[in-house]
C-alpha atoms as a PDB file:
ATOM      1  CA  MET A   1     -46.045  -0.532  17.696  1.00  0.00           C
ATOM      2  CA  SER A   2     -44.587  -3.240  19.921  1.00  0.00           C
ATOM      3  CA  ALA A   3     -40.879  -4.000  20.133  1.00  0.00           C
ATOM      4  CA  PRO A   4     -41.193  -7.470  18.489  1.00  0.00           C
ATOM      5  CA  ALA A   5     -43.037  -5.912  15.545  1.00  0.00           C
ATOM      6  CA  ARG A   6     -40.295  -3.303  15.129  1.00  0.00           C
ATOM      7  CA  ARG A   7     -37.683  -6.045  15.159  1.00  0.00           C
ATOM      8  CA  ARG A   8     -39.548  -7.966  12.465  1.00  0.00           C
ATOM      9  CA  GLU A   9     -39.647  -4.868  10.272  1.00  0.00           C
ATOM     10  CA  LYS A  10     -35.960  -4.222  10.802  1.00  0.00           C
ATOM     11  CA  HIS A  11     -34.973  -7.811   9.878  1.00  0.00           C
ATOM     12  CA  PRO A  12     -37.389  -8.979   7.168  1.00  0.00           C
ATOM     13  CA  LEU A  13     -35.215 -12.046   6.396  1.00  0.00           C
ATOM     14  CA  PRO A  14     -34.611 -14.856   8.879  1.00  0.00           C
ATOM     15  CA  ARG A  15     -31.228 -14.511  10.525  1.00  0.00           C
ATOM     16  CA  GLY A  16     -29.974 -17.827   9.137  1.00  0.00           C
ATOM     17  CA  LEU A  17     -30.982 -16.933   5.564  1.00  0.00           C
ATOM     18  CA  TYR A  18     -29.433 -13.476   5.911  1.00  0.00           C
ATOM     19  CA  ARG A  19     -26.109 -14.958   7.028  1.00  0.00           C
ATOM     20  CA  THR A  20     -26.204 -17.508   4.205  1.00  0.00           C
ATOM     21  CA  ILE A  21     -26.731 -14.784   1.600  1.00  0.00           C
ATOM     22  CA  GLN A  22     -23.977 -12.686   3.175  1.00  0.00           C
ATOM     23  CA  THR A  23     -21.577 -15.649   3.165  1.00  0.00           C
ATOM     24  CA  LEU A  24     -22.345 -16.511  -0.461  1.00  0.00           C
ATOM     25  CA  PHE A  25     -21.781 -12.899  -1.481  1.00  0.00           C
ATOM     26  CA  LEU A  26     -18.425 -12.698   0.292  1.00  0.00           C
ATOM     27  CA  VAL A  27     -17.300 -16.077  -1.093  1.00  0.00           C
ATOM     28  CA  THR A  28     -18.264 -14.984  -4.613  1.00  0.00           C
ATOM     29  CA  LEU A  29     -16.367 -11.716  -4.169  1.00  0.00           C
ATOM     30  CA  ALA A  30     -13.311 -13.590  -2.875  1.00  0.00           C
ATOM     31  CA  VAL A  31     -13.387 -15.959  -5.869  1.00  0.00           C
ATOM     32  CA  ILE A  32     -13.578 -13.017  -8.293  1.00  0.00           C
ATOM     33  CA  VAL A  33     -10.592 -11.388  -6.598  1.00  0.00           C
ATOM     34  CA  LEU A  34      -8.539 -14.586  -6.465  1.00  0.00           C
ATOM     35  CA  VAL A  35      -9.122 -15.722 -10.067  1.00  0.00           C
ATOM     36  CA  PRO A  36      -6.421 -13.409 -11.571  1.00  0.00           C
ATOM     37  CA  LEU A  37      -3.933 -14.454  -8.877  1.00  0.00           C
ATOM     38  CA  VAL A  38      -4.598 -18.156  -9.446  1.00  0.00           C
ATOM     39  CA  ALA A  39      -4.438 -17.640 -13.209  1.00  0.00           C
ATOM     40  CA  ILE A  40      -1.028 -15.966 -13.086  1.00  0.00           C
ATOM     41  CA  PHE A  41       0.211 -18.681 -10.697  1.00  0.00           C
ATOM     42  CA  VAL A  42      -0.801 -21.378 -13.184  1.00  0.00           C
ATOM     43  CA  GLY A  43       0.771 -19.277 -15.930  1.00  0.00           C
ATOM     44  CA  THR A  44       4.151 -19.500 -14.209  1.00  0.00           C
ATOM     45  CA  PHE A  45       4.217 -23.212 -15.148  1.00  0.00           C
ATOM     46  CA  GLN A  46       3.318 -22.583 -18.805  1.00  0.00           C
ATOM     47  CA  ASP A  47       5.082 -21.225 -21.855  1.00  0.00           C
ATOM     48  CA  GLY A  48       4.823 -17.436 -21.749  1.00  0.00           C
ATOM     49  CA  ASN A  49       3.916 -17.052 -25.416  1.00  0.00           C
ATOM     50  CA  GLU A  50       1.056 -19.522 -25.016  1.00  0.00           C
ATOM     51  CA  VAL A  51      -0.293 -17.611 -22.025  1.00  0.00           C
ATOM     52  CA  ILE A  52      -0.215 -14.309 -23.900  1.00  0.00           C
ATOM     53  CA  ARG A  53      -1.752 -15.857 -27.000  1.00  0.00           C
ATOM     54  CA  LYS A  54      -4.611 -17.724 -25.265  1.00  0.00           C
ATOM     55  CA  GLY A  55      -5.128 -15.403 -22.305  1.00  0.00           C
ATOM     56  CA  ILE A  56      -6.722 -16.550 -19.044  1.00  0.00           C
ATOM     57  CA  THR A  57      -8.352 -19.912 -19.633  1.00  0.00           C
ATOM     58  CA  PHE A  58      -9.312 -22.882 -17.496  1.00  0.00           C
ATOM     59  CA  SER A  59      -8.603 -25.272 -20.360  1.00  0.00           C
ATOM     60  CA  ILE A  60      -5.092 -26.293 -19.370  1.00  0.00           C
ATOM     61  CA  ASP A  61      -2.987 -29.107 -20.753  1.00  0.00           C
ATOM     62  CA  VAL A  62      -1.442 -30.562 -17.602  1.00  0.00           C
ATOM     63  CA  SER A  63       1.278 -32.307 -19.592  1.00  0.00           C
ATOM     64  CA  SER A  64       2.574 -28.924 -20.796  1.00  0.00           C
ATOM     65  CA  LEU A  65       3.202 -27.614 -17.283  1.00  0.00           C
ATOM     66  CA  SER A  66       6.828 -27.432 -16.169  1.00  0.00           C
ATOM     67  CA  LEU A  67       9.206 -25.750 -13.759  1.00  0.00           C
ATOM     68  CA  ASP A  68      11.320 -24.215 -16.535  1.00  0.00           C
ATOM     69  CA  ASN A  69      10.234 -20.677 -15.679  1.00  0.00           C
ATOM     70  CA  TYR A  70      11.277 -21.103 -12.043  1.00  0.00           C
ATOM     71  CA  VAL A  71      14.638 -22.502 -13.127  1.00  0.00           C
ATOM     72  CA  MET A  72      15.108 -19.513 -15.429  1.00  0.00           C
ATOM     73  CA  LEU A  73      14.169 -17.102 -12.617  1.00  0.00           C
ATOM     74  CA  LEU A  74      16.826 -18.580 -10.338  1.00  0.00           C
ATOM     75  CA  THR A  75      19.570 -19.045 -12.929  1.00  0.00           C
ATOM     76  CA  ASP A  76      19.087 -16.640 -15.834  1.00  0.00           C
ATOM     77  CA  SER A  77      16.888 -13.747 -14.713  1.00  0.00           C
ATOM     78  CA  GLY A  78      19.342 -10.928 -15.429  1.00  0.00           C
ATOM     79  CA  GLY A  79      18.752  -7.981 -13.112  1.00  0.00           C
ATOM     80  CA  TYR A  80      15.465  -9.249 -11.633  1.00  0.00           C
ATOM     81  CA  PHE A  81      16.708  -9.814  -8.095  1.00  0.00           C
ATOM     82  CA  ARG A  82      18.553  -6.479  -8.161  1.00  0.00           C
ATOM     83  CA  TRP A  83      15.245  -4.778  -9.062  1.00  0.00           C
ATOM     84  CA  PHE A  84      13.502  -6.773  -6.353  1.00  0.00           C
ATOM     85  CA  LEU A  85      16.047  -5.691  -3.748  1.00  0.00           C
ATOM     86  CA  ASN A  86      15.815  -2.051  -4.881  1.00  0.00           C
ATOM     87  CA  SER A  87      12.039  -2.105  -4.494  1.00  0.00           C
ATOM     88  CA  LEU A  88      12.270  -3.824  -1.128  1.00  0.00           C
ATOM     89  CA  VAL A  89      14.754  -1.317   0.311  1.00  0.00           C
ATOM     90  CA  LEU A  90      12.897   1.690  -1.097  1.00  0.00           C
ATOM     91  CA  THR A  91       9.580   0.393   0.228  1.00  0.00           C
ATOM     92  CA  VAL A  92      10.915  -0.143   3.740  1.00  0.00           C
ATOM     93  CA  VAL A  93      12.682   3.236   3.853  1.00  0.00           C
ATOM     94  CA  GLN A  94       9.773   5.187   2.393  1.00  0.00           C
ATOM     95  CA  VAL A  95       7.121   3.495   4.539  1.00  0.00           C
ATOM     96  CA  VAL A  96       9.085   4.077   7.743  1.00  0.00           C
ATOM     97  CA  GLY A  97       9.817   7.668   6.763  1.00  0.00           C
ATOM     98  CA  THR A  98       6.232   8.354   5.710  1.00  0.00           C
ATOM     99  CA  LEU A  99       4.800   6.932   8.921  1.00  0.00           C
ATOM    100  CA  LEU A 100       7.216   8.971  11.025  1.00  0.00           C
ATOM    101  CA  VAL A 101       6.854  12.317   9.211  1.00  0.00           C
ATOM    102  CA  SER A 102       3.115  12.041   8.555  1.00  0.00           C
ATOM    103  CA  SER A 103       2.352  10.984  12.119  1.00  0.00           C
ATOM    104  CA  PHE A 104       4.349  13.960  13.463  1.00  0.00           C
ATOM    105  CA  VAL A 105       2.392  16.356  11.251  1.00  0.00           C
ATOM    106  CA  ALA A 106      -0.921  14.746  12.169  1.00  0.00           C
ATOM    107  CA  TYR A 107      -0.014  14.774  15.860  1.00  0.00           C
ATOM    108  CA  GLY A 108       0.588  18.506  15.659  1.00  0.00           C
ATOM    109  CA  PHE A 109      -2.777  19.110  13.985  1.00  0.00           C
ATOM    110  CA  ALA A 110      -4.609  16.940  16.504  1.00  0.00           C
ATOM    111  CA  MET A 111      -2.935  17.788  19.820  1.00  0.00           C
ATOM    112  CA  TYR A 112      -1.672  21.373  19.596  1.00  0.00           C
ATOM    113  CA  ASP A 113      -3.248  24.770  19.013  1.00  0.00           C
ATOM    114  CA  PHE A 114      -1.275  27.231  16.902  1.00  0.00           C
ATOM    115  CA  ARG A 115      -1.887  30.024  14.453  1.00  0.00           C
ATOM    116  CA  GLY A 116      -2.751  28.787  10.982  1.00  0.00           C
ATOM    117  CA  LYS A 117      -3.664  25.305  12.200  1.00  0.00           C
ATOM    118  CA  ASN A 118      -7.016  25.178  10.406  1.00  0.00           C
ATOM    119  CA  VAL A 119      -5.590  26.716   7.241  1.00  0.00           C
ATOM    120  CA  GLY A 120      -2.818  24.129   7.207  1.00  0.00           C
ATOM    121  CA  PHE A 121      -5.226  21.255   7.650  1.00  0.00           C
ATOM    122  CA  VAL A 122      -7.485  22.586   4.893  1.00  0.00           C
ATOM    123  CA  ALA A 123      -4.411  22.663   2.661  1.00  0.00           C
ATOM    124  CA  VAL A 124      -3.843  18.983   3.457  1.00  0.00           C
ATOM    125  CA  LEU A 125      -7.458  18.209   2.541  1.00  0.00           C
ATOM    126  CA  LEU A 126      -7.126  20.126  -0.725  1.00  0.00           C
ATOM    127  CA  LEU A 127      -3.901  18.289  -1.518  1.00  0.00           C
ATOM    128  CA  MET A 128      -5.799  15.012  -1.212  1.00  0.00           C
ATOM    129  CA  THR A 129      -8.043  16.089  -4.098  1.00  0.00           C
ATOM    130  CA  VAL A 130      -5.200  16.933  -6.506  1.00  0.00           C
ATOM    131  CA  PRO A 131      -4.117  14.039  -8.784  1.00  0.00           C
ATOM    132  CA  PHE A 132      -0.403  13.354  -8.724  1.00  0.00           C
ATOM    133  CA  GLU A 133      -0.244  13.682 -12.515  1.00  0.00           C
ATOM    134  CA  ILE A 134      -0.974  17.405 -12.154  1.00  0.00           C
ATOM    135  CA  MET A 135       1.946  17.916  -9.752  1.00  0.00           C
ATOM    136  CA  MET A 136       4.324  15.561 -11.539  1.00  0.00           C
ATOM    137  CA  LEU A 137       5.752  17.973 -14.107  1.00  0.00           C
ATOM    138  CA  PRO A 138       6.523  20.911 -11.761  1.00  0.00           C
ATOM    139  CA  LEU A 139       7.902  18.449  -9.211  1.00  0.00           C
ATOM    140  CA  TYR A 140      10.175  16.915 -11.847  1.00  0.00           C
ATOM    141  CA  ILE A 141      11.403  20.367 -12.918  1.00  0.00           C
ATOM    142  CA  LEU A 142      12.177  21.170  -9.285  1.00  0.00           C
ATOM    143  CA  VAL A 143      14.149  17.988  -8.553  1.00  0.00           C
ATOM    144  CA  ASN A 144      15.951  18.285 -11.897  1.00  0.00           C
ATOM    145  CA  ASP A 145      17.035  21.854 -11.090  1.00  0.00           C
ATOM    146  CA  VAL A 146      18.491  20.790  -7.732  1.00  0.00           C
ATOM    147  CA  GLY A 147      20.292  17.819  -9.296  1.00  0.00           C
ATOM    148  CA  LEU A 148      18.466  14.967  -7.569  1.00  0.00           C
ATOM    149  CA  VAL A 149      17.364  13.115 -10.702  1.00  0.00           C
ATOM    150  CA  ASP A 150      18.514   9.471 -10.895  1.00  0.00           C
ATOM    151  CA  SER A 151      18.818   9.114  -7.133  1.00  0.00           C
ATOM    152  CA  TYR A 152      16.803   7.173  -4.615  1.00  0.00           C
ATOM    153  CA  ALA A 153      16.355  10.322  -2.533  1.00  0.00           C
ATOM    154  CA  VAL A 154      14.101  11.869  -5.172  1.00  0.00           C
ATOM    155  CA  VAL A 155      11.893   8.752  -5.096  1.00  0.00           C
ATOM    156  CA  VAL A 156      11.432   8.937  -1.321  1.00  0.00           C
ATOM    157  CA  ILE A 157      11.613  12.543  -0.095  1.00  0.00           C
ATOM    158  CA  PRO A 158       8.693  14.160  -2.005  1.00  0.00           C
ATOM    159  CA  PHE A 159       6.193  11.702  -0.500  1.00  0.00           C
ATOM    160  CA  LEU A 160       7.232  11.550   3.151  1.00  0.00           C
ATOM    161  CA  ALA A 161       4.382  13.893   4.143  1.00  0.00           C
ATOM    162  CA  ALA A 162       1.503  12.002   2.539  1.00  0.00           C
ATOM    163  CA  ALA A 163      -1.818  13.853   2.705  1.00  0.00           C
ATOM    164  CA  VAL A 164      -3.990  10.739   3.093  1.00  0.00           C
ATOM    165  CA  THR A 165      -1.743   9.340   5.832  1.00  0.00           C
ATOM    166  CA  ILE A 166      -1.729  12.695   7.657  1.00  0.00           C
ATOM    167  CA  PHE A 167      -5.523  12.858   7.517  1.00  0.00           C
ATOM    168  CA  PHE A 168      -5.910   9.289   8.793  1.00  0.00           C
ATOM    169  CA  PHE A 169      -3.496   9.770  11.700  1.00  0.00           C
ATOM    170  CA  ARG A 170      -5.055  13.100  12.627  1.00  0.00           C
ATOM    171  CA  GLN A 171      -8.499  11.502  12.871  1.00  0.00           C
ATOM    172  CA  TYR A 172      -7.064   8.701  15.011  1.00  0.00           C
ATOM    173  CA  PHE A 173      -5.144  11.025  17.336  1.00  0.00           C
ATOM    174  CA  LEU A 174      -8.282  13.092  17.978  1.00  0.00           C
ATOM    175  CA  GLY A 175      -9.673  10.117  19.858  1.00  0.00           C
ATOM    176  CA  ILE A 176      -6.761  10.082  22.330  1.00  0.00           C
ATOM    177  CA  PRO A 177      -7.643  12.033  25.510  1.00  0.00           C
ATOM    178  CA  HIS A 178      -5.578  15.158  26.132  1.00  0.00           C
ATOM    179  CA  GLU A 179      -5.447  14.208  29.819  1.00  0.00           C
ATOM    180  CA  LEU A 180      -2.952  11.501  28.869  1.00  0.00           C
ATOM    181  CA  LEU A 181      -0.593  14.130  27.478  1.00  0.00           C
ATOM    182  CA  GLU A 182      -1.029  16.354  30.522  1.00  0.00           C
ATOM    183  CA  ALA A 183      -0.257  13.430  32.834  1.00  0.00           C
ATOM    184  CA  GLY A 184       2.940  12.791  30.888  1.00  0.00           C
ATOM    185  CA  ARG A 185       3.991  16.432  31.139  1.00  0.00           C
ATOM    186  CA  VAL A 186       3.320  16.430  34.876  1.00  0.00           C
ATOM    187  CA  ASP A 187       5.611  13.413  35.203  1.00  0.00           C
ATOM    188  CA  GLY A 188       8.346  15.310  33.354  1.00  0.00           C
ATOM    189  CA  VAL A 189       8.144  13.415  30.060  1.00  0.00           C
ATOM    190  CA  THR A 190       9.331  15.391  27.037  1.00  0.00           C
ATOM    191  CA  GLU A 191       7.047  16.042  24.073  1.00  0.00           C
ATOM    192  CA  PHE A 192       8.880  13.447  22.008  1.00  0.00           C
ATOM    193  CA  GLY A 193       8.719  11.060  24.946  1.00  0.00           C
ATOM    194  CA  ILE A 194       4.951  11.555  25.186  1.00  0.00           C
ATOM    195  CA  PHE A 195       4.577  10.699  21.508  1.00  0.00           C
ATOM    196  CA  PHE A 196       6.817   7.631  21.499  1.00  0.00           C
ATOM    197  CA  ARG A 197       6.072   6.274  24.985  1.00  0.00           C
ATOM    198  CA  LEU A 198       2.400   7.151  25.468  1.00  0.00           C
ATOM    199  CA  VAL A 199       0.737   7.846  22.121  1.00  0.00           C
ATOM    200  CA  LEU A 200       2.566   5.406  19.858  1.00  0.00           C
ATOM    201  CA  PRO A 201       1.561   2.231  21.785  1.00  0.00           C
ATOM    202  CA  ILE A 202      -2.100   3.288  21.599  1.00  0.00           C
ATOM    203  CA  ALA A 203      -1.848   4.032  17.873  1.00  0.00           C
ATOM    204  CA  ARG A 204      -0.239   0.747  16.833  1.00  0.00           C
ATOM    205  CA  PRO A 205      -3.329  -0.409  14.850  1.00  0.00           C
ATOM    206  CA  ALA A 206      -3.313   2.869  12.912  1.00  0.00           C
ATOM    207  CA  PHE A 207       0.406   2.524  12.156  1.00  0.00           C
ATOM    208  CA  ALA A 208      -0.105  -1.069  10.997  1.00  0.00           C
ATOM    209  CA  ALA A 209      -2.959  -0.049   8.698  1.00  0.00           C
ATOM    210  CA  MET A 210      -0.997   2.805   7.164  1.00  0.00           C
ATOM    211  CA  ALA A 211       2.111   0.631   6.832  1.00  0.00           C
ATOM    212  CA  ILE A 212       0.171  -1.844   4.699  1.00  0.00           C
ATOM    213  CA  LEU A 213      -1.506   0.811   2.560  1.00  0.00           C
ATOM    214  CA  ASN A 214       1.664   2.832   1.999  1.00  0.00           C
ATOM    215  CA  GLY A 215       3.650  -0.355   1.422  1.00  0.00           C
ATOM    216  CA  MET A 216       1.277  -1.395  -1.360  1.00  0.00           C
ATOM    217  CA  ILE A 217       1.449   2.054  -2.952  1.00  0.00           C
ATOM    218  CA  VAL A 218       5.241   2.300  -2.829  1.00  0.00           C
ATOM    219  CA  TRP A 219       5.854  -1.295  -3.931  1.00  0.00           C
ATOM    220  CA  ASN A 220       3.635  -0.846  -7.006  1.00  0.00           C
ATOM    221  CA  ASN A 221       4.744   2.715  -7.778  1.00  0.00           C
ATOM    222  CA  PHE A 222       5.656   2.951 -11.444  1.00  0.00           C
ATOM    223  CA  LEU A 223       5.156   6.409 -12.947  1.00  0.00           C
ATOM    224  CA  TRP A 224       7.357   8.584 -10.722  1.00  0.00           C
ATOM    225  CA  PRO A 225      10.351   6.191 -10.492  1.00  0.00           C
ATOM    226  CA  LEU A 226      10.128   5.704 -14.270  1.00  0.00           C
ATOM    227  CA  LEU A 227      10.399   9.468 -14.713  1.00  0.00           C
ATOM    228  CA  VAL A 228      13.322  10.142 -12.361  1.00  0.00           C
ATOM    229  CA  LEU A 229      15.455   6.982 -12.459  1.00  0.00           C
ATOM    230  CA  ARG A 230      17.833   6.648 -15.418  1.00  0.00           C
ATOM    231  CA  SER A 231      20.363   3.959 -14.463  1.00  0.00           C
ATOM    232  CA  PRO A 232      19.218   0.342 -15.081  1.00  0.00           C
ATOM    233  CA  GLU A 233      20.899  -0.832 -11.869  1.00  0.00           C
ATOM    234  CA  LYS A 234      18.676   1.566  -9.906  1.00  0.00           C
ATOM    235  CA  PHE A 235      15.400   0.447 -11.454  1.00  0.00           C
ATOM    236  CA  THR A 236      12.618  -0.720  -9.195  1.00  0.00           C
ATOM    237  CA  LEU A 237      10.756  -3.946  -9.889  1.00  0.00           C
ATOM    238  CA  PRO A 238       7.815  -2.451 -11.870  1.00  0.00           C
ATOM    239  CA  ILE A 239      10.231  -0.553 -14.144  1.00  0.00           C
ATOM    240  CA  GLY A 240      12.496  -3.580 -14.538  1.00  0.00           C
ATOM    241  CA  LEU A 241       9.587  -5.826 -15.527  1.00  0.00           C
ATOM    242  CA  ASN A 242       8.496  -3.217 -18.051  1.00  0.00           C
ATOM    243  CA  THR A 243      11.906  -3.389 -19.735  1.00  0.00           C
ATOM    244  CA  LEU A 244      11.246  -7.046 -20.571  1.00  0.00           C
ATOM    245  CA  LEU A 245       8.838  -5.883 -23.291  1.00  0.00           C
ATOM    246  CA  THR A 246      10.839  -4.396 -26.164  1.00  0.00           C
ATOM    247  CA  PRO A 247      10.403  -3.983 -29.942  1.00  0.00           C
ATOM    248  CA  HIS A 248      13.210  -6.520 -30.432  1.00  0.00           C
ATOM    249  CA  GLY A 249      11.762  -9.317 -28.293  1.00  0.00           C
ATOM    250  CA  ASN A 250       9.529 -10.011 -25.324  1.00  0.00           C
ATOM    251  CA  ASN A 251      10.524 -12.200 -22.385  1.00  0.00           C
ATOM    252  CA  TYR A 252       7.019 -13.236 -21.387  1.00  0.00           C
ATOM    253  CA  GLU A 253       8.207 -16.151 -19.237  1.00  0.00           C
ATOM    254  CA  LEU A 254      10.222 -13.934 -16.904  1.00  0.00           C
ATOM    255  CA  LEU A 255       7.533 -11.250 -17.018  1.00  0.00           C
ATOM    256  CA  ILE A 256       4.819 -13.639 -15.824  1.00  0.00           C
ATOM    257  CA  ILE A 257       6.762 -15.373 -13.081  1.00  0.00           C
ATOM    258  CA  GLY A 258       8.390 -12.088 -12.066  1.00  0.00           C
ATOM    259  CA  ALA A 259       4.995 -10.421 -11.755  1.00  0.00           C
ATOM    260  CA  PHE A 260       3.720 -13.316  -9.633  1.00  0.00           C
ATOM    261  CA  VAL A 261       6.714 -13.260  -7.294  1.00  0.00           C
ATOM    262  CA  SER A 262       6.365  -9.474  -6.964  1.00  0.00           C
ATOM    263  CA  VAL A 263       2.878  -9.964  -5.491  1.00  0.00           C
ATOM    264  CA  LEU A 264       4.074 -12.274  -2.717  1.00  0.00           C
ATOM    265  CA  PRO A 265       5.675  -9.701  -0.335  1.00  0.00           C
ATOM    266  CA  ILE A 266       2.532  -7.552  -0.169  1.00  0.00           C
ATOM    267  CA  LEU A 267       0.316 -10.633   0.091  1.00  0.00           C
ATOM    268  CA  VAL A 268       2.360 -12.022   2.986  1.00  0.00           C
ATOM    269  CA  LEU A 269       2.437  -8.604   4.663  1.00  0.00           C
ATOM    270  CA  PHE A 270      -1.340  -8.283   4.497  1.00  0.00           C
ATOM    271  CA  ILE A 271      -1.973 -11.844   5.726  1.00  0.00           C
ATOM    272  CA  LEU A 272       0.330 -11.364   8.711  1.00  0.00           C
ATOM    273  CA  PHE A 273      -1.078  -7.973   9.728  1.00  0.00           C
ATOM    274  CA  GLN A 274      -4.680  -8.128   8.532  1.00  0.00           C
ATOM    275  CA  ARG A 275      -5.943  -8.083  12.123  1.00  0.00           C
ATOM    276  CA  PHE A 276      -4.144  -4.799  12.798  1.00  0.00           C
ATOM    277  CA  PHE A 277      -5.195  -3.465   9.405  1.00  0.00           C
ATOM    278  CA  ILE A 278      -8.901  -4.030  10.094  1.00  0.00           C
ATOM    279  CA  ALA A 279      -8.635  -2.686  13.645  1.00  0.00           C
ATOM    280  CA  GLY A 280      -6.766   0.404  12.504  1.00  0.00           C
ATOM    281  CA  MET A 281      -9.096   1.179   9.631  1.00  0.00           C
ATOM    282  CA  THR A 282     -12.169   0.728  11.845  1.00  0.00           C
ATOM    283  CA  ALA A 283     -10.756   2.897  14.626  1.00  0.00           C
ATOM    284  CA  GLY A 284      -9.639   5.557  12.175  1.00  0.00           C
ATOM    285  CA  ALA A 285     -13.126   5.699  10.700  1.00  0.00           C
ATOM    286  CA  LEU A 286     -14.858   6.011  14.070  1.00  0.00           C
ATOM    287  CA  LYS A 287     -12.558   8.348  15.942  1.00  0.00           C
ATOM    288  CA  GLY A 288     -12.668  12.100  15.554  1.00  0.00           C
END
């Protein structure tokens, strides 16, 4: 069979039609994803009770829209900005710590040979398959026995060595030639110097990708902080928003606008670093 015939079999649709179908599919997918975000944005200008009662609808009375919810957020939002700041600080600290600890562990698995290396990595893979809900109770008993409940440390420390992040970094580091490390050692660079001065610049896309993914997970984390944090002034944003719904009254206005504002940091982070995110995810999937 000739080469042109093989090409025709491989691409049964004309290239222009194929790209049109692909574009329409991606646009449709983007619209489906953006509809909830647009709906909650419009809801921030409406009465909260009306939004809850009618749900998401495109039948909107423009005359009923107002900035009252934004005024309330800025002037009478209670502890909202304290919750926001708590979540922001915890997210930054935990993401930085997770990237540092997990990359060290992954670097050891990828670049060094030691006894028990394969067993340790298999344990990481097995840990990836265990739902957090299974480990939650024994972990809570442990942190309660050592007196760390109701502290930010207990929110951060148990998740610094994240199995998924370790696996991703390990796969990425396997694609870095060992000759680079040997050249650094010949030049007298320390092992930490090799990691920070030689390996880290190469792995910037991987770090950016994991920063976004871990940032999204930590920012939206609800179950574990709800279990270990007791003081209202220490609540994170998801827990604080949940307290707005009570048997005695529901503050739907603040809940809706607060939920919308809580999306903005992650949305901005992804928009700014999407190029690194895509590059890191692609490289991590191909290397190793």
